[in-house]
C-alpha atoms as a PDB file:
ATOM      1  CA  MET A   1      24.182 -12.835  -6.411  1.00  0.00           C
ATOM      2  CA  VAL A   2      21.387 -10.457  -5.428  1.00  0.00           C
ATOM      3  CA  ASN A   3      20.919  -9.736  -1.747  1.00  0.00           C
ATOM      4  CA  LYS A   4      17.282  -8.788  -1.225  1.00  0.00           C
ATOM      5  CA  LEU A   5      17.121  -6.659   1.889  1.00  0.00           C
ATOM      6  CA  LEU A   6      13.328  -6.493   2.122  1.00  0.00           C
ATOM      7  CA  SER A   7      11.035  -9.495   1.957  1.00  0.00           C
ATOM      8  CA  GLN A   8       7.612  -7.899   1.639  1.00  0.00           C
ATOM      9  CA  LEU A   9       5.128  -5.176   2.404  1.00  0.00           C
ATOM     10  CA  ALA A  10       3.869  -6.274   5.820  1.00  0.00           C
ATOM     11  CA  SER A  11       1.188  -3.731   6.757  1.00  0.00           C
ATOM     12  CA  VAL A  12      -0.240  -0.279   6.133  1.00  0.00           C
ATOM     13  CA  GLU A  13      -1.788   2.107   8.656  1.00  0.00           C
ATOM     14  CA  ILE A  14      -4.490   4.388   7.273  1.00  0.00           C
ATOM     15  CA  LEU A  15      -6.400   7.255   8.887  1.00  0.00           C
ATOM     16  CA  THR A  16     -10.142   7.811   8.877  1.00  0.00           C
ATOM     17  CA  PRO A  17     -12.471  10.471  10.311  1.00  0.00           C
ATOM     18  CA  LYS A  18     -15.337   7.921  10.272  1.00  0.00           C
ATOM     19  CA  ILE A  19     -13.957   4.949  12.145  1.00  0.00           C
ATOM     20  CA  ASP A  20     -17.239   3.015  12.515  1.00  0.00           C
ATOM     21  CA  ASP A  21     -18.212   3.443   8.868  1.00  0.00           C
ATOM     22  CA  THR A  22     -14.706   2.589   7.680  1.00  0.00           C
ATOM     23  CA  LEU A  23     -14.678  -0.577   9.807  1.00  0.00           C
ATOM     24  CA  TRP A  24     -18.085  -1.538   8.414  1.00  0.00           C
ATOM     25  CA  PHE A  25     -16.608  -1.261   4.939  1.00  0.00           C
ATOM     26  CA  PHE A  26     -13.521  -3.350   5.631  1.00  0.00           C
ATOM     27  CA  LYS A  27     -15.262  -5.995   7.742  1.00  0.00           C
ATOM     28  CA  ASP A  28     -18.728  -6.366   6.202  1.00  0.00           C
ATOM     29  CA  ILE A  29     -18.031  -5.432   2.592  1.00  0.00           C
ATOM     30  CA  LEU A  30     -14.437  -6.593   2.057  1.00  0.00           C
ATOM     31  CA  GLY A  31     -14.636  -9.393   4.626  1.00  0.00           C
ATOM     32  CA  LEU A  32     -11.474  -8.582   6.578  1.00  0.00           C
ATOM     33  CA  HIS A  33     -11.104 -10.163  10.012  1.00  0.00           C
ATOM     34  CA  GLU A  34     -10.586  -8.049  13.130  1.00  0.00           C
ATOM     35  CA  VAL A  35      -7.748  -9.281  15.354  1.00  0.00           C
ATOM     36  CA  GLY A  36      -7.501  -6.519  17.952  1.00  0.00           C
ATOM     37  CA  ARG A  37      -8.072  -2.966  19.128  1.00  0.00           C
ATOM     38  CA  LYS A  38      -5.739  -0.557  20.866  1.00  0.00           C
ATOM     39  CA  ASP A  39      -6.454   3.077  21.745  1.00  0.00           C
ATOM     40  CA  ARG A  40      -7.934   4.611  18.577  1.00  0.00           C
ATOM     41  CA  SER A  41      -6.694   1.837  16.247  1.00  0.00           C
ATOM     42  CA  VAL A  42      -8.244  -1.387  14.943  1.00  0.00           C
ATOM     43  CA  TYR A  43      -6.177  -4.227  13.426  1.00  0.00           C
ATOM     44  CA  LEU A  44      -7.494  -6.200  10.442  1.00  0.00           C
ATOM     45  CA  ARG A  45      -6.308  -9.031   8.196  1.00  0.00           C
ATOM     46  CA  GLY A  46      -7.262 -10.869   5.027  1.00  0.00           C
ATOM     47  CA  TRP A  47      -7.682 -14.623   5.170  1.00  0.00           C
ATOM     48  CA  GLU A  48      -4.303 -15.238   3.507  1.00  0.00           C
ATOM     49  CA  ASP A  49      -2.190 -12.549   5.151  1.00  0.00           C
ATOM     50  CA  TRP A  50       0.786 -14.254   6.809  1.00  0.00           C
ATOM     51  CA  TYR A  51       1.150 -12.017   9.839  1.00  0.00           C
ATOM     52  CA  ALA A  52      -1.352 -11.008  12.526  1.00  0.00           C
ATOM     53  CA  TYR A  53      -2.591  -7.985  10.598  1.00  0.00           C
ATOM     54  CA  SER A  54      -2.011  -6.185   7.320  1.00  0.00           C
ATOM     55  CA  LEU A  55      -4.204  -3.141   7.873  1.00  0.00           C
ATOM     56  CA  LYS A  56      -4.257  -0.824  10.866  1.00  0.00           C
ATOM     57  CA  VAL A  57      -7.147   1.647  10.838  1.00  0.00           C
ATOM     58  CA  THR A  58      -6.695   4.657  13.110  1.00  0.00           C
ATOM     59  CA  GLU A  59      -9.304   7.261  13.963  1.00  0.00           C
ATOM     60  CA  SER A  60      -8.257  10.787  13.005  1.00  0.00           C
ATOM     61  CA  ASP A  61      -9.729  14.020  11.699  1.00  0.00           C
ATOM     62  CA  THR A  62      -8.636  13.148   8.158  1.00  0.00           C
ATOM     63  CA  ALA A  63      -8.031  10.316   5.711  1.00  0.00           C
ATOM     64  CA  GLY A  64      -4.650   9.227   4.305  1.00  0.00           C
ATOM     65  CA  VAL A  65      -1.723   6.986   5.158  1.00  0.00           C
ATOM     66  CA  LYS A  66       0.134   7.193   8.475  1.00  0.00           C
ATOM     67  CA  GLU A  67       2.716   4.404   8.230  1.00  0.00           C
ATOM     68  CA  ILE A  68       3.979   1.780   5.771  1.00  0.00           C
ATOM     69  CA  VAL A  69       5.747  -1.282   7.222  1.00  0.00           C
ATOM     70  CA  TRP A  70       8.188  -3.553   5.409  1.00  0.00           C
ATOM     71  CA  ARG A  71       9.759  -6.726   6.775  1.00  0.00           C
ATOM     72  CA  THR A  72      13.426  -7.451   6.083  1.00  0.00           C
ATOM     73  CA  TYR A  73      14.926 -10.856   5.255  1.00  0.00           C
ATOM     74  CA  SER A  74      17.046 -11.037   8.411  1.00  0.00           C
ATOM     75  CA  GLU A  75      18.278  -9.018  11.361  1.00  0.00           C
ATOM     76  CA  LYS A  76      21.446  -8.179   9.420  1.00  0.00           C
ATOM     77  CA  ASP A  77      19.335  -6.969   6.497  1.00  0.00           C
ATOM     78  CA  LEU A  78      17.426  -4.760   8.934  1.00  0.00           C
ATOM     79  CA  ILE A  79      20.676  -3.106  10.053  1.00  0.00           C
ATOM     80  CA  ASP A  80      21.873  -2.756   6.454  1.00  0.00           C
ATOM     81  CA  SER A  81      18.546  -1.180   5.472  1.00  0.00           C
ATOM     82  CA  ILE A  82      18.723   1.232   8.404  1.00  0.00           C
ATOM     83  CA  ASN A  83      22.222   2.255   7.315  1.00  0.00           C
ATOM     84  CA  ILE A  84      20.872   3.048   3.862  1.00  0.00           C
ATOM     85  CA  VAL A  85      18.066   5.289   5.095  1.00  0.00           C
ATOM     86  CA  ASN A  86      20.411   6.968   7.587  1.00  0.00           C
ATOM     87  CA  SER A  87      22.982   7.625   4.869  1.00  0.00           C
ATOM     88  CA  ASN A  88      20.279   9.748   3.252  1.00  0.00           C
ATOM     89  CA  GLY A  89      19.483  11.533   6.535  1.00  0.00           C
ATOM     90  CA  LEU A  90      15.981  10.044   6.648  1.00  0.00           C
ATOM     91  CA  GLY A  91      16.046   8.004   9.861  1.00  0.00           C
ATOM     92  CA  LEU A  92      13.574   8.764  12.676  1.00  0.00           C
ATOM     93  CA  GLY A  93      14.553   6.159  15.266  1.00  0.00           C
ATOM     94  CA  TRP A  94      13.232   2.982  16.888  1.00  0.00           C
ATOM     95  CA  ASP A  95       9.809   2.158  18.271  1.00  0.00           C
ATOM     96  CA  GLU A  96       8.909  -0.677  20.640  1.00  0.00           C
ATOM     97  CA  GLY A  97       6.894  -2.613  18.104  1.00  0.00           C
ATOM     98  CA  GLU A  98       3.660  -4.378  18.975  1.00  0.00           C
ATOM     99  CA  PRO A  99       4.625  -7.606  20.786  1.00  0.00           C
ATOM    100  CA  ASP A 100       0.992  -8.519  21.448  1.00  0.00           C
ATOM    101  CA  MET A 101       0.521  -8.584  17.674  1.00  0.00           C
ATOM    102  CA  GLY A 102       3.696 -10.561  17.038  1.00  0.00           C
ATOM    103  CA  VAL A 103       5.610  -7.532  15.726  1.00  0.00           C
ATOM    104  CA  GLY A 104       9.038  -6.665  17.117  1.00  0.00           C
ATOM    105  CA  LYS A 105      10.693  -3.271  17.333  1.00  0.00           C
ATOM    106  CA  GLY A 106      10.889  -1.280  14.144  1.00  0.00           C
ATOM    107  CA  TYR A 107      12.988   1.533  12.724  1.00  0.00           C
ATOM    108  CA  LYS A 108      11.009   4.480  11.400  1.00  0.00           C
ATOM    109  CA  PHE A 109      12.108   6.712   8.543  1.00  0.00           C
ATOM    110  CA  ILE A 110      10.636   9.212   6.144  1.00  0.00           C
ATOM    111  CA  LEU A 111      10.498   8.578   2.423  1.00  0.00           C
ATOM    112  CA  PRO A 112      11.650  11.505   0.256  1.00  0.00           C
ATOM    113  CA  SER A 113       8.020  11.702  -0.905  1.00  0.00           C
ATOM    114  CA  GLY A 114       6.963  12.465   2.689  1.00  0.00           C
ATOM    115  CA  GLN A 115       5.277   9.251   3.896  1.00  0.00           C
ATOM    116  CA  ILE A 116       6.468   7.511   7.062  1.00  0.00           C
ATOM    117  CA  GLY A 117       7.945   4.049   6.593  1.00  0.00           C
ATOM    118  CA  LYS A 118       9.095   1.433   9.064  1.00  0.00           C
ATOM    119  CA  LEU A 119      11.550  -1.477   8.809  1.00  0.00           C
ATOM    120  CA  VAL A 120      10.970  -4.606  10.921  1.00  0.00           C
ATOM    121  CA  TRP A 121      12.611  -8.016  11.166  1.00  0.00           C
ATOM    122  CA  GLU A 122      10.903  -9.748  14.087  1.00  0.00           C
ATOM    123  CA  MET A 123       7.417 -10.799  12.984  1.00  0.00           C
ATOM    124  CA  LYS A 124       5.555 -13.972  13.935  1.00  0.00           C
ATOM    125  CA  ILE A 125       3.584 -16.013  11.431  1.00  0.00           C
ATOM    126  CA  TRP A 126      -0.111 -15.920  12.383  1.00  0.00           C
ATOM    127  CA  ARG A 127      -2.254 -19.066  12.455  1.00  0.00           C
ATOM    128  CA  ALA A 128      -5.918 -19.228  13.358  1.00  0.00           C
ATOM    129  CA  SER A 129      -7.131 -21.598  16.019  1.00  0.00           C
ATOM    130  CA  GLY A 130     -10.463 -23.199  16.792  1.00  0.00           C
ATOM    131  CA  GLU A 131     -13.306 -22.611  14.362  1.00  0.00           C
ATOM    132  CA  LEU A 132     -11.240 -20.220  12.203  1.00  0.00           C
ATOM    133  CA  ARG A 133      -8.591 -22.857  11.440  1.00  0.00           C
ATOM    134  CA  SER A 134      -8.655 -23.938   7.787  1.00  0.00           C
ATOM    135  CA  GLY A 135      -8.392 -27.481   6.485  1.00  0.00           C
ATOM    136  CA  TYR A 136      -5.953 -26.112   3.902  1.00  0.00           C
ATOM    137  CA  LYS A 137      -2.853 -26.368   6.046  1.00  0.00           C
ATOM    138  CA  ALA A 138      -0.958 -23.566   4.297  1.00  0.00           C
ATOM    139  CA  ARG A 139      -3.816 -21.109   4.812  1.00  0.00           C
ATOM    140  CA  PRO A 140      -3.560 -18.953   7.926  1.00  0.00           C
ATOM    141  CA  MET A 141      -7.351 -19.062   8.425  1.00  0.00           C
ATOM    142  CA  LYS A 142     -10.645 -20.006   6.810  1.00  0.00           C
ATOM    143  CA  LYS A 143     -12.220 -17.830   4.179  1.00  0.00           C
ATOM    144  CA  PRO A 144     -14.831 -15.515   5.715  1.00  0.00           C
ATOM    145  CA  THR A 145     -18.507 -16.208   5.132  1.00  0.00           C
ATOM    146  CA  LYS A 146     -19.442 -12.619   4.264  1.00  0.00           C
ATOM    147  CA  GLY A 147     -18.340  -9.821   2.016  1.00  0.00           C
ATOM    148  CA  VAL A 148     -15.976  -9.968  -0.918  1.00  0.00           C
ATOM    149  CA  GLN A 149     -13.522 -12.229   0.956  1.00  0.00           C
ATOM    150  CA  ALA A 150     -10.472 -10.042   0.291  1.00  0.00           C
ATOM    151  CA  LYS A 151      -7.433 -12.281   0.337  1.00  0.00           C
ATOM    152  CA  ASP A 152      -4.360 -10.297   1.400  1.00  0.00           C
ATOM    153  CA  LEU A 153      -2.601  -6.941   1.177  1.00  0.00           C
ATOM    154  CA  SER A 154      -1.339  -6.377  -2.355  1.00  0.00           C
ATOM    155  CA  HIS A 155       0.306  -2.951  -2.557  1.00  0.00           C
ATOM    156  CA  ILE A 156       0.223   0.722  -1.734  1.00  0.00           C
ATOM    157  CA  PHE A 157       0.316   3.576  -4.242  1.00  0.00           C
ATOM    158  CA  ILE A 158       1.796   6.835  -2.935  1.00  0.00           C
ATOM    159  CA  PHE A 159       2.369  10.322  -4.338  1.00  0.00           C
ATOM    160  CA  ALA A 160       5.635  12.269  -4.617  1.00  0.00           C
ATOM    161  CA  TYR A 161       5.222  16.025  -4.350  1.00  0.00           C
ATOM    162  CA  ASN A 162       7.711  17.139  -7.030  1.00  0.00           C
ATOM    163  CA  ASP A 163      10.189  15.779  -9.592  1.00  0.00           C
ATOM    164  CA  GLU A 164      13.083  15.709  -7.139  1.00  0.00           C
ATOM    165  CA  SER A 165      11.129  13.876  -4.434  1.00  0.00           C
ATOM    166  CA  LEU A 166       9.992  11.288  -7.000  1.00  0.00           C
ATOM    167  CA  ALA A 167      13.538  10.669  -8.224  1.00  0.00           C
ATOM    168  CA  LYS A 168      14.935  10.461  -4.684  1.00  0.00           C
ATOM    169  CA  THR A 169      12.166   8.116  -3.544  1.00  0.00           C
ATOM    170  CA  VAL A 170      12.790   5.740  -6.434  1.00  0.00           C
ATOM    171  CA  GLU A 171      16.550   5.821  -5.860  1.00  0.00           C
ATOM    172  CA  LEU A 172      16.122   5.045  -2.145  1.00  0.00           C
ATOM    173  CA  LEU A 173      13.729   2.181  -2.867  1.00  0.00           C
ATOM    174  CA  LYS A 174      16.122   0.737  -5.435  1.00  0.00           C
ATOM    175  CA  ARG A 175      18.898   0.805  -2.824  1.00  0.00           C
ATOM    176  CA  LEU A 176      16.517  -1.075  -0.525  1.00  0.00           C
ATOM    177  CA  THR A 177      16.383  -3.715  -3.326  1.00  0.00           C
ATOM    178  CA  PHE A 178      13.055  -2.802  -4.905  1.00  0.00           C
ATOM    179  CA  LYS A 179      12.919  -3.860  -8.551  1.00  0.00           C
ATOM    180  CA  VAL A 180      11.406  -1.418 -11.049  1.00  0.00           C
ATOM    181  CA  ASN A 181       9.061  -3.407 -13.294  1.00  0.00           C
ATOM    182  CA  GLU A 182       7.230  -0.684 -15.233  1.00  0.00           C
ATOM    183  CA  ILE A 183       7.532   3.074 -15.761  1.00  0.00           C
ATOM    184  CA  LEU A 184       5.116   5.719 -17.004  1.00  0.00           C
ATOM    185  CA  LYS A 185       6.414   8.825 -18.750  1.00  0.00           C
ATOM    186  CA  GLU A 186       5.125  11.948 -20.479  1.00  0.00           C
ATOM    187  CA  GLY A 187       7.491  12.541 -23.355  1.00  0.00           C
ATOM    188  CA  ASP A 188      10.962  12.510 -21.786  1.00  0.00           C
ATOM    189  CA  LYS A 189       9.667  12.990 -18.229  1.00  0.00           C
ATOM    190  CA  ARG A 190       9.182   9.966 -15.982  1.00  0.00           C
ATOM    191  CA  ILE A 191       6.106  10.438 -13.805  1.00  0.00           C
ATOM    192  CA  ALA A 192       5.375   7.057 -12.140  1.00  0.00           C
ATOM    193  CA  TYR A 193       7.060   3.777 -11.200  1.00  0.00           C
ATOM    194  CA  TRP A 194       5.710   0.299 -10.364  1.00  0.00           C
ATOM    195  CA  MET A 195       8.115  -1.621  -8.116  1.00  0.00           C
ATOM    196  CA  ALA A 196       8.341  -4.801  -6.054  1.00  0.00           C
ATOM    197  CA  VAL A 197      10.498  -6.680  -3.568  1.00  0.00           C
ATOM    198  CA  ASN A 198       8.329  -9.824  -3.451  1.00  0.00           C
ATOM    199  CA  GLY A 199       8.404 -11.046  -7.063  1.00  0.00           C
ATOM    200  CA  THR A 200       4.980  -9.673  -8.048  1.00  0.00           C
ATOM    201  CA  ALA A 201       4.330  -7.016 -10.676  1.00  0.00           C
ATOM    202  CA  HIS A 202       4.246  -4.443  -7.873  1.00  0.00           C
ATOM    203  CA  ASP A 203       3.843  -4.127  -4.135  1.00  0.00           C
ATOM    204  CA  LEU A 204       4.494  -0.374  -4.262  1.00  0.00           C
ATOM    205  CA  ALA A 205       3.900   2.329  -6.831  1.00  0.00           C
ATOM    206  CA  VAL A 206       4.851   5.985  -6.668  1.00  0.00           C
ATOM    207  CA  SER A 207       3.638   8.770  -8.924  1.00  0.00           C
ATOM    208  CA  LEU A 208       4.276  12.463  -9.355  1.00  0.00           C
ATOM    209  CA  ASP A 209       1.541  14.568  -7.724  1.00  0.00           C
ATOM    210  CA  PRO A 210       1.201  18.119  -9.063  1.00  0.00           C
ATOM    211  CA  SER A 211      -0.294  19.355  -5.768  1.00  0.00           C
ATOM    212  CA  GLY A 212       3.168  19.949  -4.288  1.00  0.00           C
ATOM    213  CA  VAL A 213       2.009  18.574  -0.894  1.00  0.00           C
ATOM    214  CA  PRO A 214       4.209  15.839   0.686  1.00  0.00           C
ATOM    215  CA  ALA A 215       2.979  12.582   2.240  1.00  0.00           C
ATOM    216  CA  ARG A 216      -0.138  12.029   0.142  1.00  0.00           C
ATOM    217  CA  LEU A 217      -1.784   8.666  -0.585  1.00  0.00           C
ATOM    218  CA  ASN A 218      -3.343   7.498  -3.821  1.00  0.00           C
ATOM    219  CA  HIS A 219      -4.734   4.113  -2.756  1.00  0.00           C
ATOM    220  CA  VAL A 220      -4.274   0.863  -0.824  1.00  0.00           C
ATOM    221  CA  THR A 221      -4.956  -2.474  -2.523  1.00  0.00           C
ATOM    222  CA  PHE A 222      -6.078  -5.948  -1.482  1.00  0.00           C
ATOM    223  CA  ASN A 223      -5.988  -9.063  -3.660  1.00  0.00           C
ATOM    224  CA  VAL A 224      -9.051 -11.217  -4.303  1.00  0.00           C
ATOM    225  CA  ASP A 225      -9.053 -14.938  -5.050  1.00  0.00           C
ATOM    226  CA  TYR A 226     -11.146 -14.956  -8.234  1.00  0.00           C
ATOM    227  CA  ALA A 227     -11.749 -12.441 -11.014  1.00  0.00           C
ATOM    228  CA  ASP A 228     -15.493 -12.801 -10.336  1.00  0.00           C
ATOM    229  CA  ASP A 229     -14.918 -11.343  -6.871  1.00  0.00           C
ATOM    230  CA  ILE A 230     -14.393  -7.970  -8.538  1.00  0.00           C
ATOM    231  CA  LEU A 231     -17.879  -8.118 -10.079  1.00  0.00           C
ATOM    232  CA  LYS A 232     -19.272  -9.260  -6.736  1.00  0.00           C
ATOM    233  CA  ALA A 233     -17.640  -6.238  -5.105  1.00  0.00           C
ATOM    234  CA  ALA A 234     -19.085  -3.881  -7.739  1.00  0.00           C
ATOM    235  CA  ASP A 235     -22.570  -5.164  -6.844  1.00  0.00           C
ATOM    236  CA  PHE A 236     -21.926  -4.641  -3.125  1.00  0.00           C
ATOM    237  CA  TYR A 237     -20.529  -1.157  -3.649  1.00  0.00           C
ATOM    238  CA  THR A 238     -23.494  -0.070  -5.763  1.00  0.00           C
ATOM    239  CA  ASP A 239     -26.135  -1.647  -3.526  1.00  0.00           C
ATOM    240  CA  TYR A 240     -24.685  -0.070  -0.395  1.00  0.00           C
ATOM    241  CA  GLY A 241     -24.131   3.422  -1.789  1.00  0.00           C
ATOM    242  CA  LEU A 242     -20.342   3.404  -2.095  1.00  0.00           C
ATOM    243  CA  GLU A 243     -18.715   5.469  -4.838  1.00  0.00           C
ATOM    244  CA  ILE A 244     -16.918   3.410  -7.470  1.00  0.00           C
ATOM    245  CA  VAL A 245     -14.171   5.672  -8.857  1.00  0.00           C
ATOM    246  CA  GLY A 246     -12.608   3.219 -11.296  1.00  0.00           C
ATOM    247  CA  GLY A 247     -13.417  -0.050 -12.997  1.00  0.00           C
ATOM    248  CA  PRO A 248     -14.088  -2.815 -13.375  1.00  0.00           C
ATOM    249  CA  LEU A 249     -11.096  -2.529 -15.676  1.00  0.00           C
ATOM    250  CA  ARG A 250      -7.928  -4.234 -16.830  1.00  0.00           C
ATOM    251  CA  HIS A 251      -4.658  -2.398 -16.310  1.00  0.00           C
ATOM    252  CA  GLY A 252      -2.102  -2.204 -19.099  1.00  0.00           C
ATOM    253  CA  ILE A 253       0.623  -1.772 -16.491  1.00  0.00           C
ATOM    254  CA  THR A 254       0.833  -4.979 -14.370  1.00  0.00           C
ATOM    255  CA  ASP A 255      -1.776  -6.732 -16.596  1.00  0.00           C
ATOM    256  CA  SER A 256      -4.297  -7.134 -13.763  1.00  0.00           C
ATOM    257  CA  HIS A 257      -8.048  -6.752 -13.175  1.00  0.00           C
ATOM    258  CA  SER A 258      -9.057  -3.925 -10.862  1.00  0.00           C
ATOM    259  CA  LEU A 259     -11.858  -2.056  -9.102  1.00  0.00           C
ATOM    260  CA  TYR A 260     -11.517   1.183  -7.114  1.00  0.00           C
ATOM    261  CA  VAL A 261     -13.912   2.508  -4.495  1.00  0.00           C
ATOM    262  CA  LYS A 262     -13.886   5.380  -2.000  1.00  0.00           C
ATOM    263  CA  GLU A 263     -14.530   3.923   1.442  1.00  0.00           C
ATOM    264  CA  PRO A 264     -16.682   6.018   3.834  1.00  0.00           C
ATOM    265  CA  GLY A 265     -13.664   7.656   5.495  1.00  0.00           C
ATOM    266  CA  GLY A 266     -12.374   9.009   2.173  1.00  0.00           C
ATOM    267  CA  ASN A 267      -9.563   6.575   1.315  1.00  0.00           C
ATOM    268  CA  VAL A 268      -9.487   4.994  -2.133  1.00  0.00           C
ATOM    269  CA  ILE A 269      -9.314   1.198  -1.864  1.00  0.00           C
ATOM    270  CA  GLU A 270      -8.544  -1.059  -4.810  1.00  0.00           C
ATOM    271  CA  LEU A 271      -9.346  -4.735  -5.276  1.00  0.00           C
ATOM    272  CA  LEU A 272      -6.959  -6.565  -7.589  1.00  0.00           C
ATOM    273  CA  HIS A 273      -6.869  -9.913  -9.326  1.00  0.00           C
ATOM    274  CA  GLY A 274      -4.048 -11.315 -11.420  1.00  0.00           C
ATOM    275  CA  GLY A 275      -0.965  -9.520 -12.624  1.00  0.00           C
ATOM    276  CA  TYR A 276       2.273 -11.227 -13.531  1.00  0.00           C
ATOM    277  CA  LEU A 277       5.029 -12.652 -11.367  1.00  0.00           C
ATOM    278  CA  ASN A 278       8.521 -11.438 -12.190  1.00  0.00           C
ATOM    279  CA  VAL A 279      11.713 -13.061 -10.940  1.00  0.00           C
ATOM    280  CA  VAL A 280      13.743 -12.297 -14.093  1.00  0.00           C
ATOM    281  CA  PRO A 281      17.161 -11.192 -12.777  1.00  0.00           C
ATOM    282  CA  ASP A 282      18.085  -8.958 -15.739  1.00  0.00           C
ATOM    283  CA  TRP A 283      14.637  -7.459 -16.310  1.00  0.00           C
ATOM    284  CA  GLU A 284      14.531  -4.149 -18.137  1.00  0.00           C
ATOM    285  CA  PRO A 285      11.564  -2.004 -17.035  1.00  0.00           C
ATOM    286  CA  ILE A 286       8.647  -1.729 -19.446  1.00  0.00           C
ATOM    287  CA  VAL A 287       8.055   1.927 -20.346  1.00  0.00           C
ATOM    288  CA  TRP A 288       4.655   3.377 -21.208  1.00  0.00           C
ATOM    289  CA  ASP A 289       4.144   6.844 -22.681  1.00  0.00           C
ATOM    290  CA  THR A 290       0.989   8.863 -22.014  1.00  0.00           C
ATOM    291  CA  LYS A 291       1.208  10.384 -25.495  1.00  0.00           C
ATOM    292  CA  GLU A 292       1.811   7.182 -27.428  1.00  0.00           C
ATOM    293  CA  ASP A 293      -0.250   4.822 -25.251  1.00  0.00           C
ATOM    294  CA  GLU A 294      -2.847   7.326 -24.002  1.00  0.00           C
ATOM    295  CA  ASN A 295      -4.589   5.846 -20.917  1.00  0.00           C
ATOM    296  CA  ARG A 296      -4.078   2.173 -21.828  1.00  0.00           C
ATOM    297  CA  TRP A 297      -1.439   1.963 -19.088  1.00  0.00           C
ATOM    298  CA  LEU A 298      -4.242   2.520 -16.544  1.00  0.00           C
ATOM    299  CA  TYR A 299      -7.241   0.929 -18.238  1.00  0.00           C
ATOM    300  CA  TYR A 300      -6.535  -1.254 -21.261  1.00  0.00           C
ATOM    301  CA  TRP A 301     -10.269  -1.706 -21.107  1.00  0.00           C
ATOM    302  CA  GLY A 302     -12.753  -0.266 -18.623  1.00  0.00           C
ATOM    303  CA  HIS A 303     -12.947   3.256 -17.218  1.00  0.00           C
ATOM    304  CA  VAL A 304     -12.134   5.567 -14.305  1.00  0.00           C
ATOM    305  CA  LYS A 305     -13.985   8.603 -12.936  1.00  0.00           C
ATOM    306  CA  GLU A 306     -12.410  11.997 -12.449  1.00  0.00           C
ATOM    307  CA  ALA A 307     -12.372  11.333  -8.686  1.00  0.00           C
ATOM    308  CA  PHE A 308      -9.844   8.531  -9.243  1.00  0.00           C
ATOM    309  CA  TRP A 309      -7.107  10.988 -10.147  1.00  0.00           C
ATOM    310  CA  HIS A 310      -7.374  12.786  -6.823  1.00  0.00           C
ATOM    311  CA  GLY A 311      -6.564   9.656  -4.805  1.00  0.00           C
ATOM    312  CA  SER A 312      -7.072   9.740  -1.032  1.00  0.00           C
ATOM    313  CA  PRO A 313      -4.598  12.355   0.189  1.00  0.00           C
ATOM    314  CA  ILE A 314      -4.398  14.063   3.533  1.00  0.00           C
ATOM    315  CA  PRO A 315      -5.458  17.673   2.816  1.00  0.00           C
ATOM    316  CA  ALA A 316      -2.653  20.122   3.482  1.00  0.00           C
ATOM    317  CA  ASN A 317      -4.650  21.790   6.261  1.00  0.00           C
ATOM    318  CA  ARG A 318      -5.169  18.448   8.039  1.00  0.00           C
ATOM    319  CA  VAL A 319      -1.559  17.215   8.155  1.00  0.00           C
ATOM    320  CA  SER A 320      -0.426  16.701  11.755  1.00  0.00           C
ATOM    321  CA  ASP A 321       2.005  19.177  13.263  1.00  0.00           C
ATOM    322  CA  GLU A 322       4.391  16.277  13.970  1.00  0.00           C
ATOM    323  CA  LEU A 323       4.526  15.239  10.310  1.00  0.00           C
ATOM    324  CA  LYS A 324       4.876  18.859   9.177  1.00  0.00           C
ATOM    325  CA  GLU A 325       7.936  19.239  11.401  1.00  0.00           C
ATOM    326  CA  ILE A 326       9.490  15.949  10.213  1.00  0.00           C
ATOM    327  CA  VAL A 327       8.978  16.967   6.583  1.00  0.00           C
ATOM    328  CA  ARG A 328      10.531  20.378   7.287  1.00  0.00           C
ATOM    329  CA  GLN A 329      13.564  18.982   9.108  1.00  0.00           C
ATOM    330  CA  LYS A 330      14.280  15.931   6.974  1.00  0.00           C
ATOM    331  CA  LEU A 331      13.157  17.003   3.506  1.00  0.00           C
ATOM    332  CA  GLY A 332      13.377  20.787   3.672  1.00  0.00           C
ATOM    333  CA  ALA A 333       9.792  20.977   2.441  1.00  0.00           C
ATOM    334  CA  LYS A 334       6.848  22.902   3.806  1.00  0.00           C
ATOM    335  CA  ILE A 335       3.250  21.803   4.172  1.00  0.00           C
END
């Protein structure tokens, strides 16, 4: 029997130095729905996200990721997960949650790669009321009438700052019951992993970043309902002066259609359609080799620009003093 501790990626908080422009992108271009504002943060959701929000956009002097939230399967699984992160000396303590958004208290920790994660059990299913209520009873809300109509949060792709941090991050995630579906290597060296807790091809990926700077983000991804939505998005991006940094393309890894854009605040955002489901209990990870397979792991067909490889990281000189101190104390690394 397999005890899955984590049920899903629940939400991601990203930073932006251009809050109004970033919100225009997510609301008018992607079609996300705003559900609330608090201090310098705005809460957004896709039409098929199950909880109140999946994206928290916070005004800052930089871009990047601030927090990644996973829901556990039960309160006991929350405690078991906390014990795992604490056994690695990575725990940061409890917060009060966001009760007005249907989110209970959460336990924060730092991944060995430097990003801040949070574990939560208490989360309320979100259902629209009034004019937003859908006739499809399983849908949380109606499809929006504008933009690309992004469906729900798919995954986050993060960087690890050296070989050791990559290996330790993968090992921690495996202990938290992530399943490794695919691996990328260069010769004998493993450089990236695609993993999931929810039965998809991936809801998290982590890759080696040669910069040596902890806590960096590559991209955040939303699913779309139809493959044509990716072409629709490419038209929007081009018409409205947004920089497409990859695609349209088809990934070798995860076998999905994809399009990458740099939103006005500097974060790379991917739209995704397809990809396989994987509930095989004795799955052996598929391994791709950059020498044998060249770039087919990334684009089996299609293309990416040079800007794609840089991702959307927080520059070293813009990392908050708080995060620098956490990284120093918990990981023994310096930013």
